[in-house]
């Protein structure tokens, strides 16, 4: 690669700088700007002007300073050491930056290695001399953390015959492990390290359709609006509705192997809280720290906007790398609205024609390019891995009709709409059942039938039907009150209340309710619908709702979520006995 191309700064406009004349730079090339060697990327080229976006603060830069090309696109280093680490938007570890900087803020132009080059890793080689290797083949295994075995792979564009292999032992990430002879007769040295451009999706062998759910332990997500592994979901909501906390719950309890959390343009104090909380969380699966299978990308709102734009792609590329090893990876992007705002600011600096609400005309295509990189794939080495993307959206004033939310809905298949009134009523997760939807339900119904119960989807649809009936009846109740309703409609309202409080509402601080197995979720639906059936029979026999409510059975069913531990589901059988006893008691008293 030719790294000798240089140019001189001609103009500066915030994070955007201009060079005059022919520089020889390539589109999307990474460059070093000025005496402090700030990191930048070429975003526009014409015959006599080069435009560069700078990922660091540009105050103090002046015309005439030198810009030096690297010959490479903006890339990330892929090797052991990514998990249990905290990076900025361009994969610089914050801990090392803090050591190299003075004070609490990141110093400009700080140059640190993305990953620790001095650490020795226990390495078990999985190839031998004479083996034919293709792109994606695993050459070594390294225990990266207690939870994750890192599988070192051949870069996707390399293939050949192994001519030498090092023995098992301890190696640095840049030590040569394997030498192969390519089909052209060239010798290539392979280490644990790969470099990959962040804006280029990593190649795969085959993409599968949605077929397995991402089980989160949150009833409103798993039962009512499920998300598939390799799927895409959005969590939109106004300030204080619980976007970040919903993502925390998914990160902690979902059955993904690895979590990539991208804090994109969030407030500094909120990001600090995330970093502190994640480092303290215990992985419920293993009892080890949750950070053993998590990597964080922190890009706060006071960091330069260009780096915010890059942080999304950095996180995606790290996730795709672990997917290629055969892991299920979940990305939490918090929030894509701040990313879109970065696009808007850069677009304004570049004097591009604005579209709706000032966002650039290419907002939709950028969002689609982001969400399209999700999927369950057969990787180049034959393993099956997935990248699931869960993007928080922060519409101003909670207005879901704004461009980022509307364009996001075009490219996602699961929409968990948070509602301000539910959040203020302390109903969490504040996902509203009337504004949310999931297009994955038909794709996953076969999995639910095989792994939980053939009746699972039918029960879910019946609960949804009751909630929709409640919504229609509430229009009448608001006008003339509930006393005028016939008893069968009063029963519908009461059962809908049981569903809302006993099933959809969940307590993250209760040991049995914070995460609920699918078997218990099905059992709870079964009991609620059994209660509804028995109460309908009583109402049909002329029993008034006031008599039914006096027995306290509705409150008892609501309390199932607390009273039945996840490991003692046989206790659910007792509730049907209680409902039958309640049925007989009401008939005896009113005979």
Protein backbone atom coordinates (compact mmCIF):
# COMPACT_ATOMS: atom_id res chain seq x y z
CA UNK A 1 0.00 0.00 0.00
CA UNK A 2 1.28 3.44 -0.89
CA UNK A 3 1.22 5.62 2.26
CA UNK A 4 3.07 8.62 0.85
CA UNK A 5 0.14 10.66 -0.48
CA UNK A 6 -0.18 13.98 1.32
CA UNK A 7 -2.17 17.17 0.95
CA UNK A 8 -2.48 20.57 2.62
CA UNK A 9 -5.52 21.83 4.51
CA UNK A 10 -7.28 24.56 2.54
CA UNK A 11 -10.50 25.04 4.54
CA UNK A 12 -12.00 23.89 7.87
CA UNK A 13 -15.72 23.69 8.75
CA UNK A 14 -16.15 21.98 12.14
CA UNK A 15 -15.31 18.28 11.72
CA UNK A 16 -15.12 18.68 7.91
CA UNK A 17 -11.87 19.81 6.24
CA UNK A 18 -11.09 20.53 2.60
CA UNK A 19 -7.89 19.99 0.61
CA UNK A 20 -7.25 21.72 -2.72
CA UNK A 21 -5.74 20.14 -5.79
CA UNK A 22 -5.13 16.51 -6.62
CA UNK A 23 -4.05 14.63 -3.48
CA UNK A 24 -4.04 11.04 -4.77
CA UNK A 25 -6.23 9.94 -1.85
CA UNK A 26 -8.86 7.22 -2.36
CA UNK A 27 -12.52 7.30 -1.35
CA UNK A 28 -13.05 6.14 2.29
CA UNK A 29 -9.28 6.16 2.90
CA UNK A 30 -8.15 6.76 6.48
CA UNK A 31 -5.88 9.80 6.89
CA UNK A 32 -3.92 11.59 9.61
CA UNK A 33 -4.69 15.30 9.86
CA UNK A 34 -2.31 18.05 11.00
CA UNK A 35 0.62 18.05 13.40
CA UNK A 36 -1.36 16.16 16.06
CA UNK A 37 -2.22 13.41 13.53
CA UNK A 38 -5.97 13.43 14.12
CA UNK A 39 -7.78 10.46 12.58
CA UNK A 40 -9.98 11.25 9.56
CA UNK A 41 -11.69 9.64 6.57
CA UNK A 42 -12.03 10.76 2.95
CA UNK A 43 -15.76 11.21 2.21
CA UNK A 44 -15.75 13.12 -1.10
CA UNK A 45 -13.39 13.50 -4.04
CA UNK A 46 -13.43 15.59 -7.21
CA UNK A 47 -10.68 16.67 -9.57
CA UNK A 48 -9.57 19.68 -7.55
CA UNK A 49 -11.01 19.19 -4.03
CA UNK A 50 -10.85 16.44 -1.37
CA UNK A 51 -13.28 16.45 1.57
CA UNK A 52 -12.38 14.70 4.84
CA UNK A 53 -14.40 14.11 8.01
CA UNK A 54 -12.28 14.15 11.17
CA UNK A 55 -13.10 11.81 14.06
CA UNK A 56 -11.58 14.13 16.66
CA UNK A 57 -12.01 17.74 17.81
CA UNK A 58 -10.64 20.09 15.12
CA UNK A 59 -10.27 23.33 17.12
CA UNK A 60 -6.75 24.72 16.68
CA UNK A 61 -6.25 23.21 13.22
CA UNK A 62 -5.18 25.76 10.63
CA UNK A 63 -4.91 25.94 6.83
CA UNK A 64 -1.57 24.77 5.49
CA UNK A 65 -1.18 21.82 7.90
CA UNK A 66 -0.32 18.50 6.25
CA UNK A 67 -2.79 15.63 5.79
CA UNK A 68 -1.15 12.23 5.32
CA UNK A 69 -2.83 9.21 3.73
CA UNK A 70 -2.54 5.66 5.06
CA UNK A 71 -3.58 3.82 1.89
CA UNK A 72 -6.17 1.82 3.90
CA UNK A 73 -9.88 2.28 4.57
CA UNK A 74 -10.99 2.98 8.17
CA UNK A 75 -10.61 -0.49 9.68
CA UNK A 76 -10.73 -2.34 12.97
CA UNK A 77 -8.24 -4.85 14.35
CA UNK A 78 -9.87 -8.23 15.00
CA UNK A 79 -8.11 -10.51 17.50
CA UNK A 80 -8.40 -11.79 21.09
CA UNK A 81 -8.88 -8.95 23.57
CA UNK A 82 -12.06 -7.42 22.13
CA UNK A 83 -14.38 -9.03 24.69
CA UNK A 84 -14.36 -7.43 28.17
CA UNK A 85 -13.06 -4.18 26.68
CA UNK A 86 -14.44 -0.64 26.30
CA UNK A 87 -13.64 1.22 23.08
CA UNK A 88 -14.39 4.61 21.61
CA UNK A 89 -16.09 4.96 18.20
CA UNK A 90 -12.97 3.99 16.20
CA UNK A 91 -11.79 1.05 18.34
CA UNK A 92 -9.37 2.81 20.64
CA UNK A 93 -9.54 1.31 24.17
CA UNK A 94 -10.69 3.97 26.64
CA UNK A 95 -8.56 2.57 29.46
CA UNK A 96 -5.36 3.03 27.44
CA UNK A 97 -6.50 6.46 26.22
CA UNK A 98 -7.08 7.46 29.86
CA UNK A 99 -3.53 6.42 30.74
CA UNK A 100 -2.13 8.37 27.78
CA UNK A 101 -4.31 11.48 28.42
CA UNK A 102 -4.07 14.07 31.15
CA UNK A 103 -7.27 14.48 33.14
CA UNK A 104 -10.76 13.11 32.55
CA UNK A 105 -11.13 14.01 28.87
CA UNK A 106 -9.66 12.32 25.81
CA UNK A 107 -6.60 14.11 24.48
CA UNK A 108 -6.63 14.85 20.75
CA UNK A 109 -4.35 12.88 18.49
CA UNK A 110 -3.73 10.24 21.14
CA UNK A 111 -2.32 7.14 19.44
CA UNK A 112 -2.79 3.81 21.21
CA UNK A 113 -2.97 0.22 19.98
CA UNK A 114 -6.54 -1.06 19.57
CA UNK A 115 -5.65 -4.31 21.34
CA UNK A 116 -2.92 -5.33 23.79
CA UNK A 117 0.14 -6.43 21.79
CA UNK A 118 2.14 -7.42 24.90
CA UNK A 119 -0.34 -9.91 26.39
CA UNK A 120 0.41 -13.61 25.90
CA UNK A 121 -2.57 -15.84 25.06
CA UNK A 122 -2.83 -19.61 25.61
CA UNK A 123 -3.14 -20.92 22.07
CA UNK A 124 -4.29 -24.35 20.90
CA UNK A 125 -3.53 -24.96 17.20
CA UNK A 126 -6.23 -26.76 15.16
CA UNK A 127 -4.39 -27.25 11.83
CA UNK A 128 -1.39 -29.32 10.69
CA UNK A 129 1.16 -29.10 7.89
CA UNK A 130 -0.31 -30.05 4.53
CA UNK A 131 -3.87 -28.96 5.39
CA UNK A 132 -5.71 -27.05 2.66
CA UNK A 133 -7.26 -23.90 4.15
CA UNK A 134 -9.86 -21.55 2.76
CA UNK A 135 -11.11 -18.16 3.96
CA UNK A 136 -12.83 -18.46 7.35
CA UNK A 137 -11.10 -21.73 8.33
CA UNK A 138 -10.18 -21.91 12.03
CA UNK A 139 -6.44 -22.18 12.64
CA UNK A 140 -6.29 -21.83 16.44
CA UNK A 141 -8.45 -21.56 19.55
CA UNK A 142 -7.74 -19.12 22.38
CA UNK A 143 -9.72 -18.93 25.68
CA UNK A 144 -10.45 -15.19 25.53
CA UNK A 145 -12.56 -15.09 28.73
CA UNK A 146 -14.22 -17.70 30.97
CA UNK A 147 -17.27 -17.59 28.68
CA UNK A 148 -15.82 -17.20 25.17
CA UNK A 149 -13.34 -19.30 23.20
CA UNK A 150 -11.84 -17.12 20.48
CA UNK A 151 -11.45 -18.95 17.17
CA UNK A 152 -8.64 -17.45 15.08
CA UNK A 153 -9.59 -17.63 11.41
CA UNK A 154 -7.99 -17.35 8.00
CA UNK A 155 -8.90 -13.95 6.46
CA UNK A 156 -11.86 -14.36 4.03
CA UNK A 157 -9.81 -13.53 0.92
CA UNK A 158 -6.91 -15.97 1.61
CA UNK A 159 -6.56 -19.68 0.75
CA UNK A 160 -3.69 -22.13 0.38
CA UNK A 161 -1.77 -25.10 1.81
CA UNK A 162 -0.23 -25.03 5.31
CA UNK A 163 3.58 -25.24 5.12
CA UNK A 164 4.42 -24.60 8.79
CA UNK A 165 2.58 -24.44 12.13
CA UNK A 166 3.82 -23.38 15.57
CA UNK A 167 3.27 -25.79 18.51
CA UNK A 168 0.59 -25.09 21.17
CA UNK A 169 1.76 -22.47 23.65
CA UNK A 170 1.56 -18.81 24.61
CA UNK A 171 1.71 -16.21 21.83
CA UNK A 172 1.11 -12.51 21.21
CA UNK A 173 -1.72 -11.58 18.85
CA UNK A 174 0.76 -10.43 16.16
CA UNK A 175 3.01 -13.53 16.32
CA UNK A 176 3.01 -15.75 13.21
CA UNK A 177 1.11 -18.97 13.96
CA UNK A 178 0.73 -20.50 10.51
CA UNK A 179 2.49 -20.03 7.17
CA UNK A 180 0.50 -20.99 4.07
CA UNK A 181 1.40 -21.16 0.43
CA UNK A 182 -1.32 -19.60 -1.71
CA UNK A 183 -2.46 -20.91 -5.09
CA UNK A 184 -0.25 -18.25 -6.72
CA UNK A 185 2.80 -19.73 -4.98
CA UNK A 186 3.09 -16.79 -2.55
CA UNK A 187 3.84 -17.46 1.15
CA UNK A 188 1.52 -15.78 3.66
CA UNK A 189 2.06 -15.55 7.41
CA UNK A 190 -1.10 -15.75 9.51
CA UNK A 191 -1.35 -14.47 13.08
CA UNK A 192 -4.35 -14.11 15.42
CA UNK A 193 -4.90 -10.62 14.01
CA UNK A 194 -7.09 -9.55 11.09
CA UNK A 195 -7.88 -6.09 9.79
CA UNK A 196 -11.28 -5.35 8.30
CA UNK A 197 -12.85 -2.13 6.89
CA UNK A 198 -15.82 -1.11 9.06
CA UNK A 199 -18.12 -0.16 6.18
CA UNK A 200 -17.75 -3.48 4.33
CA UNK A 201 -19.91 -6.44 5.51
CA UNK A 202 -17.89 -9.60 6.17
CA UNK A 203 -18.67 -12.34 3.60
CA UNK A 204 -20.76 -15.40 4.49
CA UNK A 205 -21.68 -18.63 2.74
CA UNK A 206 -25.46 -18.55 3.11
CA UNK A 207 -28.20 -16.52 4.85
CA UNK A 208 -31.00 -18.39 6.66
CA UNK A 209 -34.56 -17.18 7.11
CA UNK A 210 -35.80 -16.45 10.66
CA UNK A 211 -36.52 -19.68 12.50
CA UNK A 212 -35.31 -19.47 16.14
CA UNK A 213 -36.41 -16.78 18.63
CA UNK A 214 -34.03 -14.68 20.70
CA UNK A 215 -35.38 -15.62 24.13
CA UNK A 216 -35.12 -12.61 26.46
CA UNK A 217 -37.10 -13.73 29.51
CA UNK A 218 -39.33 -10.65 29.10
CA UNK A 219 -42.94 -11.81 28.57
CA UNK A 220 -44.15 -8.92 26.42
CA UNK A 221 -41.20 -9.51 24.07
CA UNK A 222 -41.03 -13.31 24.01
CA UNK A 223 -44.76 -14.03 23.83
CA UNK A 224 -46.49 -11.01 22.36
CA UNK A 225 -43.85 -9.55 20.01
CA UNK A 226 -41.00 -12.05 19.55
CA UNK A 227 -37.68 -11.29 17.88
CA UNK A 228 -35.79 -13.92 15.88
CA UNK A 229 -32.07 -14.60 16.21
CA UNK A 230 -30.53 -12.71 13.32
CA UNK A 231 -33.53 -10.37 13.34
CA UNK A 232 -33.90 -6.61 13.65
CA UNK A 233 -35.90 -4.70 16.25
CA UNK A 234 -36.42 -1.07 17.19
CA UNK A 235 -37.26 0.28 20.65
CA UNK A 236 -38.60 3.81 20.09
CA UNK A 237 -39.75 5.98 22.96
CA UNK A 238 -39.63 9.45 24.42
CA UNK A 239 -37.37 10.56 27.26
CA UNK A 240 -37.69 8.41 30.40
CA UNK A 241 -39.74 5.60 28.87
CA UNK A 242 -37.07 2.94 29.47
CA UNK A 243 -35.21 2.37 26.18
CA UNK A 244 -31.81 1.93 27.82
CA UNK A 245 -33.17 -0.20 30.68
CA UNK A 246 -35.01 -2.49 28.22
CA UNK A 247 -31.74 -3.00 26.36
CA UNK A 248 -29.97 -3.75 29.67
CA UNK A 249 -32.54 -6.45 30.47
CA UNK A 250 -32.08 -8.02 27.03
CA UNK A 251 -28.28 -7.83 27.35
CA UNK A 252 -28.35 -9.57 30.73
CA UNK A 253 -31.02 -12.21 30.21
CA UNK A 254 -31.23 -13.02 26.49
CA UNK A 255 -29.76 -16.28 25.16
CA UNK A 256 -27.26 -14.49 22.89
CA UNK A 257 -23.66 -15.67 23.37
CA UNK A 258 -22.08 -12.21 23.02
CA UNK A 259 -23.37 -8.67 23.56
CA UNK A 260 -22.01 -5.64 21.70
CA UNK A 261 -23.36 -2.47 23.34
CA UNK A 262 -22.93 0.71 21.29
CA UNK A 263 -23.56 3.91 23.27
CA UNK A 264 -23.94 6.25 20.32
CA UNK A 265 -24.29 9.92 21.23
CA UNK A 266 -25.85 9.29 24.63
CA UNK A 267 -25.35 11.65 27.57
CA UNK A 268 -22.00 11.26 29.29
CA UNK A 269 -23.46 10.58 32.74
CA UNK A 270 -25.82 7.92 31.32
CA UNK A 271 -22.94 6.23 29.48
CA UNK A 272 -20.85 6.30 32.67
CA UNK A 273 -23.71 4.58 34.49
CA UNK A 274 -23.86 1.93 31.74
CA UNK A 275 -20.11 1.28 31.96
CA UNK A 276 -20.20 1.03 35.76
CA UNK A 277 -23.32 -1.17 35.84
CA UNK A 278 -22.12 -3.58 33.15
CA UNK A 279 -18.83 -4.13 34.96
CA UNK A 280 -20.76 -5.08 38.14
CA UNK A 281 -23.42 -7.31 36.53
CA UNK A 282 -23.16 -11.07 37.04
CA UNK A 283 -23.92 -13.35 34.09
CA UNK A 284 -26.90 -15.47 35.25
CA UNK A 285 -25.74 -18.34 33.00
CA UNK A 286 -22.26 -18.81 34.40
CA UNK A 287 -22.02 -16.75 37.59
CA UNK A 288 -19.02 -14.91 36.09
CA UNK A 289 -19.05 -11.17 35.32
CA UNK A 290 -21.33 -10.27 32.37
CA UNK A 291 -18.38 -8.40 30.82
CA UNK A 292 -16.85 -11.84 30.06
CA UNK A 293 -19.14 -11.94 26.99
CA UNK A 294 -19.67 -8.22 26.40
CA UNK A 295 -17.84 -5.48 24.57
CA UNK A 296 -18.80 -1.81 24.93
CA UNK A 297 -18.38 1.06 22.49
CA UNK A 298 -18.75 4.40 24.24
CA UNK A 299 -19.38 7.48 22.17
CA UNK A 300 -20.96 10.23 24.23
CA UNK A 301 -22.84 13.28 22.98
CA UNK A 302 -19.89 15.63 23.65
CA UNK A 303 -17.54 13.56 21.45
CA UNK A 304 -17.08 14.62 17.81
CA UNK A 305 -20.10 13.78 15.62
CA UNK A 306 -18.07 12.04 12.91
CA UNK A 307 -16.86 9.41 15.40
CA UNK A 308 -20.49 8.89 16.45
CA UNK A 309 -21.32 8.08 12.85
CA UNK A 310 -18.43 5.56 12.67
CA UNK A 311 -19.18 3.88 16.04
CA UNK A 312 -22.23 2.03 14.66
CA UNK A 313 -20.13 0.40 11.91
CA UNK A 314 -17.30 -0.41 14.32
CA UNK A 315 -19.71 -2.32 16.58
CA UNK A 316 -21.27 -4.11 13.61
CA UNK A 317 -17.89 -5.30 12.31
CA UNK A 318 -16.88 -6.65 15.73
CA UNK A 319 -20.23 -8.48 15.91
CA UNK A 320 -19.82 -9.99 12.43
CA UNK A 321 -16.34 -11.23 13.37
CA UNK A 322 -17.71 -13.21 16.34
CA UNK A 323 -20.66 -14.38 14.23
CA UNK A 324 -18.11 -15.91 11.83
CA UNK A 325 -16.86 -18.05 14.74
CA UNK A 326 -20.38 -19.49 15.13
CA UNK A 327 -21.63 -17.32 18.00
CA UNK A 328 -25.03 -15.64 18.35
CA UNK A 329 -24.29 -11.94 18.82
CA UNK A 330 -26.79 -9.26 19.90
CA UNK A 331 -26.06 -5.60 19.18
CA UNK A 332 -27.64 -2.90 21.34
CA UNK A 333 -27.43 0.43 19.47
CA UNK A 334 -28.38 3.24 21.83
CA UNK A 335 -29.45 5.30 20.01
CA UNK A 336 -29.80 5.36 16.24
CA UNK A 337 -31.48 8.79 16.48
CA UNK A 338 -28.24 10.34 17.75
CA UNK A 339 -26.44 8.63 14.88
CA UNK A 340 -28.94 10.12 12.43
CA UNK A 341 -28.38 13.53 14.04
CA UNK A 342 -24.64 13.13 13.38
CA UNK A 343 -25.45 12.39 9.72
CA UNK A 344 -27.62 15.52 9.65
CA UNK A 345 -24.90 17.72 11.09
CA UNK A 346 -22.25 16.42 8.70
CA UNK A 347 -24.65 16.74 5.78
CA UNK A 348 -25.28 20.37 6.74
CA UNK A 349 -21.55 21.07 6.91
CA UNK A 350 -21.16 19.55 3.44
CA UNK A 351 -23.94 21.86 2.16
CA UNK A 352 -25.99 18.93 0.85
CA UNK A 353 -29.65 19.40 -0.02
CA UNK A 354 -31.67 18.58 3.13
CA UNK A 355 -34.72 16.31 3.08
CA UNK A 356 -37.44 15.97 5.74
CA UNK A 357 -36.65 17.77 9.05
CA UNK A 358 -33.16 18.59 7.76
CA UNK A 359 -32.00 14.96 7.63
CA UNK A 360 -29.99 14.05 4.51
CA UNK A 361 -31.80 12.45 1.57
CA UNK A 362 -29.73 9.28 2.10
CA UNK A 363 -30.94 8.69 5.69
CA UNK A 364 -33.12 5.74 4.60
CA UNK A 365 -30.35 4.04 2.62
CA UNK A 366 -27.88 4.40 5.53
CA UNK A 367 -30.43 2.91 7.95
CA UNK A 368 -31.12 0.03 5.56
CA UNK A 369 -27.39 -0.65 5.10
CA UNK A 370 -27.07 -0.84 8.90
CA UNK A 371 -30.03 -3.17 9.57
CA UNK A 372 -29.32 -5.35 6.50
CA UNK A 373 -26.09 -6.56 8.12
CA UNK A 374 -28.15 -8.51 10.68
CA UNK A 375 -29.03 -12.12 9.95
CA UNK A 376 -28.52 -15.78 10.81
CA UNK A 377 -25.76 -17.04 8.55
CA UNK A 378 -23.86 -20.13 7.57
CA UNK A 379 -20.30 -18.82 7.85
CA UNK A 380 -17.42 -19.57 5.49
CA UNK A 381 -16.21 -22.37 7.81
CA UNK A 382 -19.64 -24.07 7.90
CA UNK A 383 -20.66 -22.89 11.40
CA UNK A 384 -23.99 -21.15 12.01
CA UNK A 385 -23.89 -17.76 13.72
CA UNK A 386 -26.16 -14.74 13.95
CA UNK A 387 -26.12 -10.98 14.43
CA UNK A 388 -29.30 -9.56 15.97
CA UNK A 389 -29.68 -5.77 15.94
CA UNK A 390 -31.79 -3.99 18.56
CA UNK A 391 -31.76 -0.24 17.91
CA UNK A 392 -33.15 2.33 20.32
CA UNK A 393 -34.80 5.32 18.66
CA UNK A 394 -35.25 8.61 20.52
CA UNK A 395 -37.93 10.59 18.65
CA UNK A 396 -38.16 14.17 19.85
CA UNK A 397 -41.19 14.60 22.08
CA UNK A 398 -42.04 10.89 21.63
CA UNK A 399 -43.39 11.60 18.12
CA UNK A 400 -43.26 8.32 16.16
CA UNK A 401 -44.10 10.11 12.90
CA UNK A 402 -40.66 11.74 12.66
CA UNK A 403 -38.26 10.57 9.87
CA UNK A 404 -35.87 8.34 11.87
CA UNK A 405 -38.69 6.24 13.40
CA UNK A 406 -40.64 6.05 10.15
CA UNK A 407 -37.61 5.07 8.06
CA UNK A 408 -36.49 2.55 10.70
CA UNK A 409 -39.92 0.86 10.49
CA UNK A 410 -39.24 0.17 6.80
CA UNK A 411 -36.21 -1.99 7.56
CA UNK A 412 -37.05 -3.76 10.83
CA UNK A 413 -39.55 -6.54 11.46
CA UNK A 414 -40.08 -6.11 15.20
CA UNK A 415 -41.27 -2.83 16.74
CA UNK A 416 -41.42 -2.44 20.52
CA UNK A 417 -43.13 0.95 20.91
CA UNK A 418 -42.60 2.44 24.37
CA UNK A 419 -45.45 4.50 25.79
CA UNK A 420 -45.01 7.54 28.02
CA UNK A 421 -48.29 7.03 29.90
CA UNK A 422 -47.36 3.41 30.75
CA UNK A 423 -43.91 4.49 31.97
CA UNK A 424 -45.41 7.23 34.15
CA UNK A 425 -47.85 4.66 35.57
CA UNK A 426 -44.81 2.50 36.51
CA UNK A 427 -45.83 -0.22 34.05
CA UNK A 428 -42.52 -1.71 32.87
CA UNK A 429 -41.48 -2.72 30.30
CA UNK A 430 -43.52 0.21 28.94
CA UNK A 431 -44.04 -1.53 25.58
CA UNK A 432 -47.54 -0.70 24.38
CA UNK A 433 -49.39 -3.70 22.95
CA UNK A 434 -51.42 -1.59 20.49
CA UNK A 435 -48.54 0.30 18.83
CA UNK A 436 -46.05 -2.63 18.80
CA UNK A 437 -45.86 -5.49 16.31
CA UNK A 438 -43.67 -8.41 15.26
CA UNK A 439 -43.59 -9.89 11.76
CA UNK A 440 -41.53 -12.83 13.05
CA UNK A 441 -44.48 -14.57 14.74
CA UNK A 442 -45.50 -16.73 11.72
CA UNK A 443 -41.84 -17.68 11.09
CA UNK A 444 -41.32 -18.75 14.71
CA UNK A 445 -44.64 -20.54 15.29
CA UNK A 446 -43.16 -23.93 14.31
CA UNK A 447 -40.34 -23.47 16.84
CA UNK A 448 -42.81 -22.57 19.61
CA UNK A 449 -44.96 -25.60 18.70
CA UNK A 450 -41.96 -27.97 18.87
CA UNK A 451 -40.20 -26.49 21.91
CA UNK A 452 -42.95 -25.05 24.14
CA UNK A 453 -46.47 -26.07 23.11
CA UNK A 454 -48.53 -26.40 19.90
CA UNK A 455 -51.07 -24.04 21.55
CA UNK A 456 -48.54 -21.28 22.30
CA UNK A 457 -49.28 -18.99 19.34
CA UNK A 458 -53.04 -19.58 19.60
CA UNK A 459 -53.00 -18.56 23.29
CA UNK A 460 -50.93 -15.49 22.47
CA UNK A 461 -53.45 -14.45 19.79
CA UNK A 462 -56.34 -14.92 22.21
CA UNK A 463 -54.68 -12.66 24.80
CA UNK A 464 -54.07 -10.07 22.08
CA UNK A 465 -57.72 -10.28 21.05
CA UNK A 466 -58.87 -9.58 24.64
CA UNK A 467 -56.56 -6.54 24.84
CA UNK A 468 -57.96 -5.22 21.55
CA UNK A 469 -61.53 -5.71 22.83
CA UNK A 470 -60.58 -3.79 25.99
CA UNK A 471 -59.33 -0.89 23.88
CA UNK A 472 -62.68 -0.70 22.03
CA UNK A 473 -64.69 -0.91 25.26
CA UNK A 474 -62.58 1.80 26.94
CA UNK A 475 -63.91 4.30 24.38
CA UNK A 476 -67.42 3.64 25.73
CA UNK A 477 -66.25 3.62 29.38
CA UNK A 478 -64.60 7.04 28.97
CA UNK A 479 -67.89 8.47 27.69
CA UNK A 480 -70.50 6.93 29.99
CA UNK A 481 -68.66 4.89 32.65
CA UNK A 482 -68.30 1.13 33.14
CA UNK A 483 -71.53 0.58 35.14
CA UNK A 484 -73.69 0.57 32.01
CA UNK A 485 -71.76 -2.27 30.38
CA UNK A 486 -73.27 -5.76 30.39
CA UNK A 487 -71.49 -8.30 32.61
CA UNK A 488 -69.78 -10.16 29.74
CA UNK A 489 -68.07 -6.91 28.68
CA UNK A 490 -67.20 -6.09 32.29
CA UNK A 491 -65.56 -9.53 32.41
CA UNK A 492 -63.51 -8.71 29.29
CA UNK A 493 -62.23 -5.53 31.00
CA UNK A 494 -61.35 -7.48 34.16
CA UNK A 495 -59.47 -10.23 32.29
CA UNK A 496 -57.65 -7.56 30.25
CA UNK A 497 -56.55 -6.04 33.58
CA UNK A 498 -55.27 -9.45 34.68
CA UNK A 499 -53.28 -9.74 31.42
CA UNK A 500 -51.83 -6.23 31.75
CA UNK A 501 -50.83 -6.47 35.42
CA UNK A 502 -50.18 -10.19 35.74
CA UNK A 503 -48.57 -10.94 32.39
CA UNK A 504 -47.33 -7.87 30.51
CA UNK A 505 -46.01 -5.95 33.52
CA UNK A 506 -42.74 -7.33 34.87
CA UNK A 507 -40.60 -6.48 37.91
CA UNK A 508 -36.87 -6.35 37.11
CA UNK A 509 -36.00 -6.31 40.84
CA UNK A 510 -37.90 -9.49 41.76
CA UNK A 511 -35.77 -12.65 41.58
CA UNK A 512 -38.54 -14.78 40.02
CA UNK A 513 -40.05 -12.10 37.77
CA UNK A 514 -36.98 -10.43 36.25
CA UNK A 515 -36.53 -13.29 33.76
CA UNK A 516 -39.23 -15.84 32.98
CA UNK A 517 -38.87 -19.11 31.07
CA UNK A 518 -41.09 -19.74 28.03
CA UNK A 519 -42.65 -22.73 29.83
CA UNK A 520 -43.80 -20.48 32.67
CA UNK A 521 -44.99 -17.83 30.18
CA UNK A 522 -47.15 -20.49 28.49
CA UNK A 523 -48.40 -21.76 31.86
CA UNK A 524 -49.45 -18.23 32.88
CA UNK A 525 -51.37 -17.76 29.61
CA UNK A 526 -53.05 -21.14 30.11
CA UNK A 527 -54.30 -20.19 33.58
CA UNK A 528 -55.50 -16.70 32.54
CA UNK A 529 -57.49 -18.19 29.63
CA UNK A 530 -58.87 -20.99 31.86
CA UNK A 531 -60.06 -18.35 34.33
CA UNK A 532 -61.67 -16.42 31.45
CA UNK A 533 -63.47 -19.57 30.23
CA UNK A 534 -64.84 -20.42 33.70
CA UNK A 535 -65.92 -16.82 34.38
CA UNK A 536 -67.70 -16.66 31.01
CA UNK A 537 -69.68 -19.77 32.00
CA UNK A 538 -70.66 -18.12 35.30
CA UNK A 539 -71.70 -14.87 33.57
CA UNK A 540 -73.74 -16.90 31.06
CA UNK A 541 -75.55 -18.45 34.05
CA UNK A 542 -76.51 -14.95 35.21
CA UNK A 543 -73.83 -14.37 37.88
CA UNK A 544 -73.05 -10.63 38.23
CA UNK A 545 -69.40 -9.46 37.99
CA UNK A 546 -69.60 -7.99 41.50
CA UNK A 547 -69.99 -11.54 42.88
CA UNK A 548 -67.07 -12.86 40.84
CA UNK A 549 -64.76 -10.04 41.94
CA UNK A 550 -65.67 -10.51 45.61
CA UNK A 551 -63.96 -13.94 45.66
CA UNK A 552 -60.45 -12.44 45.01
CA UNK A 553 -59.54 -14.97 42.30
CA UNK A 554 -58.42 -12.26 39.84
CA UNK A 555 -55.84 -10.87 42.27
CA UNK A 556 -54.60 -14.39 42.99
CA UNK A 557 -53.97 -15.05 39.26
CA UNK A 558 -52.20 -11.68 38.88
CA UNK A 559 -49.80 -12.75 41.67
CA UNK A 560 -48.69 -15.92 39.81
CA UNK A 561 -45.64 -14.05 38.48
CA UNK A 562 -44.33 -13.66 42.04
CA UNK A 563 -45.71 -16.80 43.69
CA UNK A 564 -44.48 -19.45 41.22
CA UNK A 565 -40.66 -19.68 40.98
CA UNK A 566 -39.19 -20.55 37.56
CA UNK A 567 -37.93 -23.90 38.82
CA UNK A 568 -41.25 -25.03 40.39
CA UNK A 569 -43.72 -24.91 37.50
CA UNK A 570 -45.69 -27.83 38.94
CA UNK A 571 -47.24 -25.24 41.31
CA UNK A 572 -49.14 -23.85 38.30
CA UNK A 573 -51.41 -26.92 38.35
CA UNK A 574 -52.81 -25.81 41.71
CA UNK A 575 -54.26 -22.64 40.18
CA UNK A 576 -56.67 -24.57 37.96
CA UNK A 577 -57.84 -26.43 41.09
CA UNK A 578 -58.36 -23.04 42.79
CA UNK A 579 -60.32 -21.74 39.78
CA UNK A 580 -62.56 -24.85 39.80
CA UNK A 581 -63.11 -24.38 43.56
CA UNK A 582 -63.98 -20.70 42.96
CA UNK A 583 -66.45 -21.78 40.22
CA UNK A 584 -68.21 -24.28 42.54
CA UNK A 585 -68.29 -21.78 45.44
CA UNK A 586 -69.97 -19.05 43.35
CA UNK A 587 -72.63 -21.49 42.09
CA UNK A 588 -73.33 -22.81 45.63
CA UNK A 589 -73.65 -19.31 47.14
CA UNK A 590 -75.98 -18.12 44.41
CA UNK A 591 -77.98 -21.27 43.80
